[in-house]
Amino acid sequence: MGLVVVYVSTATGVEEVPSAATAVRVTGYAGNITVSNAEAGESISIFTTEGKLLVTSIAQGDASTIRVPKNEVYVVKVGRSTFKVGL
């Protein structure tokens, strides 16, 4: 009698994993938060760690830079993705 192995694929809810080249990137430096690779027209919202909405903006193509106070940590929402950025 042999061993029979059956592989059953189950859905994970993940539709597509973006490649590193096309994934939205959020970086912070010297009082600026830069959002790269967002689709033009996509919503950008920046919140304090207390949940206060600080800035809303619309992505303008390849990269959007938004000035914020230094020495803080921010939560940045770009479309349906959320990032944490420390300056």
N, C-alpha and C. Protein backbone atom coordinates (compact mmCIF):
# COMPACT_ATOMS: atom_id res chain seq x y z
N MET A 1 0.85 -1.17 0.00
CA MET A 1 0.00 0.00 0.00
C MET A 1 0.90 1.24 0.00
N GLY A 2 0.62 2.17 -0.91
CA GLY A 2 1.42 3.38 -1.03
C GLY A 2 0.77 4.56 -0.34
N LEU A 3 1.51 5.62 -0.24
CA LEU A 3 1.03 6.87 0.35
C LEU A 3 0.46 7.75 -0.74
N VAL A 4 -0.76 8.24 -0.57
CA VAL A 4 -1.40 9.12 -1.54
C VAL A 4 -1.49 10.50 -0.92
N VAL A 5 -0.92 11.52 -1.60
CA VAL A 5 -0.94 12.89 -1.12
C VAL A 5 -1.79 13.71 -2.07
N VAL A 6 -2.76 14.42 -1.51
CA VAL A 6 -3.64 15.25 -2.31
C VAL A 6 -3.44 16.69 -1.88
N TYR A 7 -3.16 17.57 -2.84
CA TYR A 7 -2.98 18.99 -2.56
C TYR A 7 -4.28 19.71 -2.88
N VAL A 8 -4.81 20.43 -1.90
CA VAL A 8 -6.03 21.19 -2.10
C VAL A 8 -5.69 22.66 -1.91
N SER A 9 -5.92 23.46 -2.94
CA SER A 9 -5.64 24.89 -2.87
C SER A 9 -6.83 25.60 -2.23
N THR A 10 -6.53 26.50 -1.29
CA THR A 10 -7.58 27.29 -0.66
C THR A 10 -7.33 28.76 -0.94
N ALA A 11 -8.38 29.52 -1.07
CA ALA A 11 -8.24 30.96 -1.32
C ALA A 11 -7.70 31.65 -0.08
N THR A 12 -6.81 32.61 -0.28
CA THR A 12 -6.24 33.34 0.85
C THR A 12 -6.80 34.74 0.99
N GLY A 13 -7.52 35.21 -0.02
CA GLY A 13 -8.03 36.58 0.01
C GLY A 13 -7.06 37.57 -0.60
N VAL A 14 -5.84 37.14 -0.88
CA VAL A 14 -4.85 38.00 -1.51
C VAL A 14 -5.00 37.85 -3.01
N GLU A 15 -5.40 38.94 -3.67
CA GLU A 15 -5.63 38.86 -5.10
C GLU A 15 -4.34 38.96 -5.90
N GLU A 16 -3.47 39.88 -5.52
CA GLU A 16 -2.24 40.08 -6.26
C GLU A 16 -1.23 40.78 -5.35
N VAL A 17 -0.02 40.32 -5.39
CA VAL A 17 1.04 40.95 -4.63
C VAL A 17 1.83 41.83 -5.59
N PRO A 18 1.88 43.16 -5.34
CA PRO A 18 2.60 44.03 -6.26
C PRO A 18 4.10 43.78 -6.21
N SER A 19 4.75 43.95 -7.33
CA SER A 19 6.20 43.82 -7.35
C SER A 19 6.82 45.03 -6.68
N ALA A 20 8.06 44.92 -6.26
CA ALA A 20 8.74 46.03 -5.58
C ALA A 20 8.82 47.26 -6.47
N ALA A 21 8.87 47.05 -7.78
CA ALA A 21 9.00 48.19 -8.70
C ALA A 21 7.71 48.99 -8.81
N THR A 22 6.55 48.35 -8.60
CA THR A 22 5.28 49.05 -8.76
C THR A 22 4.55 49.30 -7.46
N ALA A 23 5.08 48.82 -6.35
CA ALA A 23 4.42 48.99 -5.06
C ALA A 23 4.51 50.45 -4.61
N VAL A 24 3.45 50.91 -3.95
CA VAL A 24 3.46 52.26 -3.38
C VAL A 24 4.51 52.30 -2.29
N ARG A 25 5.31 53.37 -2.29
CA ARG A 25 6.35 53.57 -1.27
C ARG A 25 6.11 54.88 -0.56
N VAL A 26 6.28 54.87 0.76
CA VAL A 26 6.14 56.08 1.56
C VAL A 26 7.42 56.25 2.37
N THR A 27 8.08 57.40 2.19
CA THR A 27 9.32 57.67 2.91
C THR A 27 9.22 59.03 3.59
N GLY A 28 9.98 59.20 4.65
CA GLY A 28 10.00 60.47 5.36
C GLY A 28 11.42 60.95 5.56
N TYR A 29 11.64 62.25 5.37
CA TYR A 29 12.97 62.83 5.58
C TYR A 29 12.85 64.34 5.73
N ALA A 30 13.47 64.88 6.74
CA ALA A 30 13.61 66.33 6.94
C ALA A 30 12.28 67.09 6.84
N GLY A 31 11.24 66.56 7.49
CA GLY A 31 9.96 67.26 7.50
C GLY A 31 9.11 67.06 6.26
N ASN A 32 9.48 66.10 5.42
CA ASN A 32 8.70 65.80 4.21
C ASN A 32 8.33 64.32 4.19
N ILE A 33 7.10 64.04 3.79
CA ILE A 33 6.68 62.67 3.52
C ILE A 33 6.47 62.58 2.01
N THR A 34 7.13 61.61 1.39
CA THR A 34 7.04 61.43 -0.06
C THR A 34 6.34 60.11 -0.35
N VAL A 35 5.32 60.19 -1.19
CA VAL A 35 4.58 59.01 -1.63
C VAL A 35 4.95 58.77 -3.09
N SER A 36 5.52 57.60 -3.37
CA SER A 36 5.95 57.25 -4.72
C SER A 36 5.12 56.08 -5.25
N ASN A 37 4.95 56.04 -6.56
CA ASN A 37 4.25 54.97 -7.27
C ASN A 37 2.76 54.89 -7.00
N ALA A 38 2.17 55.93 -6.44
CA ALA A 38 0.71 55.96 -6.27
C ALA A 38 0.08 56.36 -7.59
N GLU A 39 -1.09 55.86 -7.85
CA GLU A 39 -1.80 56.23 -9.08
C GLU A 39 -2.27 57.68 -8.98
N ALA A 40 -2.16 58.43 -10.06
CA ALA A 40 -2.63 59.80 -10.07
C ALA A 40 -4.11 59.82 -9.69
N GLY A 41 -4.47 60.73 -8.81
CA GLY A 41 -5.84 60.86 -8.35
C GLY A 41 -6.16 60.06 -7.10
N GLU A 42 -5.23 59.21 -6.66
CA GLU A 42 -5.45 58.40 -5.46
C GLU A 42 -5.36 59.29 -4.22
N SER A 43 -6.19 59.01 -3.24
CA SER A 43 -6.25 59.80 -2.01
C SER A 43 -5.07 59.50 -1.08
N ILE A 44 -4.49 60.56 -0.50
CA ILE A 44 -3.42 60.44 0.49
C ILE A 44 -3.90 61.14 1.76
N SER A 45 -3.87 60.45 2.89
CA SER A 45 -4.26 61.04 4.17
C SER A 45 -3.14 60.79 5.17
N ILE A 46 -2.79 61.83 5.94
CA ILE A 46 -1.74 61.69 6.95
C ILE A 46 -2.37 61.97 8.32
N PHE A 47 -2.14 61.04 9.26
CA PHE A 47 -2.71 61.13 10.60
C PHE A 47 -1.59 61.15 11.64
N THR A 48 -1.86 61.77 12.78
CA THR A 48 -0.95 61.67 13.92
C THR A 48 -1.16 60.31 14.56
N THR A 49 -0.29 59.92 15.48
CA THR A 49 -0.45 58.64 16.16
C THR A 49 -1.67 58.64 17.07
N GLU A 50 -2.19 59.81 17.39
CA GLU A 50 -3.41 59.91 18.20
C GLU A 50 -4.67 59.78 17.34
N GLY A 51 -4.50 59.70 16.03
CA GLY A 51 -5.62 59.53 15.12
C GLY A 51 -6.17 60.82 14.53
N LYS A 52 -5.52 61.95 14.82
CA LYS A 52 -5.97 63.24 14.28
C LYS A 52 -5.55 63.36 12.82
N LEU A 53 -6.52 63.69 11.94
CA LEU A 53 -6.21 63.90 10.53
C LEU A 53 -5.41 65.19 10.39
N LEU A 54 -4.22 65.08 9.83
CA LEU A 54 -3.33 66.23 9.70
C LEU A 54 -3.41 66.84 8.30
N VAL A 55 -3.37 65.99 7.27
CA VAL A 55 -3.33 66.47 5.89
C VAL A 55 -4.09 65.48 5.00
N THR A 56 -4.80 66.01 4.01
CA THR A 56 -5.33 65.19 2.93
C THR A 56 -4.82 65.77 1.62
N SER A 57 -4.54 64.89 0.70
CA SER A 57 -4.00 65.31 -0.59
C SER A 57 -4.40 64.29 -1.64
N ILE A 58 -4.15 64.63 -2.89
CA ILE A 58 -4.40 63.73 -4.01
C ILE A 58 -3.08 63.48 -4.71
N ALA A 59 -2.76 62.21 -4.97
CA ALA A 59 -1.52 61.86 -5.66
C ALA A 59 -1.50 62.51 -7.04
N GLN A 60 -0.34 63.07 -7.38
CA GLN A 60 -0.19 63.80 -8.64
C GLN A 60 0.70 63.07 -9.63
N GLY A 61 0.73 61.77 -9.60
CA GLY A 61 1.58 61.03 -10.54
C GLY A 61 2.66 60.28 -9.83
N ASP A 62 3.87 60.30 -10.39
CA ASP A 62 4.99 59.50 -9.88
C ASP A 62 5.27 59.69 -8.39
N ALA A 63 5.43 60.93 -7.94
CA ALA A 63 5.75 61.17 -6.53
C ALA A 63 5.06 62.43 -6.04
N SER A 64 4.56 62.35 -4.81
CA SER A 64 3.92 63.49 -4.16
C SER A 64 4.64 63.72 -2.84
N THR A 65 5.04 64.95 -2.57
CA THR A 65 5.72 65.29 -1.33
C THR A 65 4.86 66.25 -0.52
N ILE A 66 4.72 65.92 0.77
CA ILE A 66 3.89 66.70 1.68
C ILE A 66 4.72 67.09 2.88
N ARG A 67 4.73 68.38 3.21
CA ARG A 67 5.51 68.91 4.34
C ARG A 67 4.72 68.70 5.63
N VAL A 68 5.39 68.16 6.66
CA VAL A 68 4.80 67.93 7.98
C VAL A 68 5.81 68.30 9.05
N PRO A 69 5.36 68.52 10.30
CA PRO A 69 6.31 68.81 11.38
C PRO A 69 7.29 67.64 11.60
N LYS A 70 8.54 67.99 11.94
CA LYS A 70 9.59 66.99 12.18
C LYS A 70 9.41 66.34 13.55
N ASN A 71 10.22 65.30 13.78
CA ASN A 71 10.32 64.60 15.06
C ASN A 71 8.99 64.02 15.53
N GLU A 72 8.25 63.48 14.59
CA GLU A 72 6.97 62.85 14.90
C GLU A 72 6.86 61.52 14.15
N VAL A 73 5.88 60.73 14.53
CA VAL A 73 5.54 59.50 13.82
C VAL A 73 4.15 59.72 13.23
N TYR A 74 3.97 59.32 11.97
CA TYR A 74 2.71 59.53 11.27
C TYR A 74 2.19 58.23 10.69
N VAL A 75 0.88 58.16 10.55
CA VAL A 75 0.23 57.07 9.84
C VAL A 75 -0.24 57.66 8.51
N VAL A 76 0.20 57.04 7.42
CA VAL A 76 -0.10 57.55 6.08
C VAL A 76 -0.97 56.52 5.36
N LYS A 77 -2.13 56.96 4.92
CA LYS A 77 -3.04 56.09 4.16
C LYS A 77 -3.02 56.55 2.71
N VAL A 78 -2.67 55.61 1.82
CA VAL A 78 -2.64 55.88 0.38
C VAL A 78 -3.60 54.88 -0.26
N GLY A 79 -4.74 55.39 -0.73
CA GLY A 79 -5.75 54.48 -1.26
C GLY A 79 -6.19 53.53 -0.16
N ARG A 80 -5.99 52.23 -0.37
CA ARG A 80 -6.38 51.22 0.62
C ARG A 80 -5.20 50.71 1.44
N SER A 81 -4.01 51.25 1.22
CA SER A 81 -2.80 50.82 1.93
C SER A 81 -2.47 51.81 3.05
N THR A 82 -1.91 51.29 4.15
CA THR A 82 -1.56 52.14 5.29
C THR A 82 -0.10 51.90 5.65
N PHE A 83 0.61 53.01 5.98
CA PHE A 83 2.03 52.96 6.30
C PHE A 83 2.28 53.76 7.58
N LYS A 84 3.36 53.42 8.28
CA LYS A 84 3.80 54.20 9.44
C LYS A 84 5.15 54.81 9.08
N VAL A 85 5.29 56.12 9.32
CA VAL A 85 6.52 56.83 8.94
C VAL A 85 6.99 57.66 10.13
N GLY A 86 8.26 57.53 10.46
CA GLY A 86 8.87 58.36 11.51
C GLY A 86 9.81 59.37 10.91
N LEU A 87 9.72 60.61 11.38
CA LEU A 87 10.62 61.67 10.91
C LEU A 87 11.54 62.09 12.03
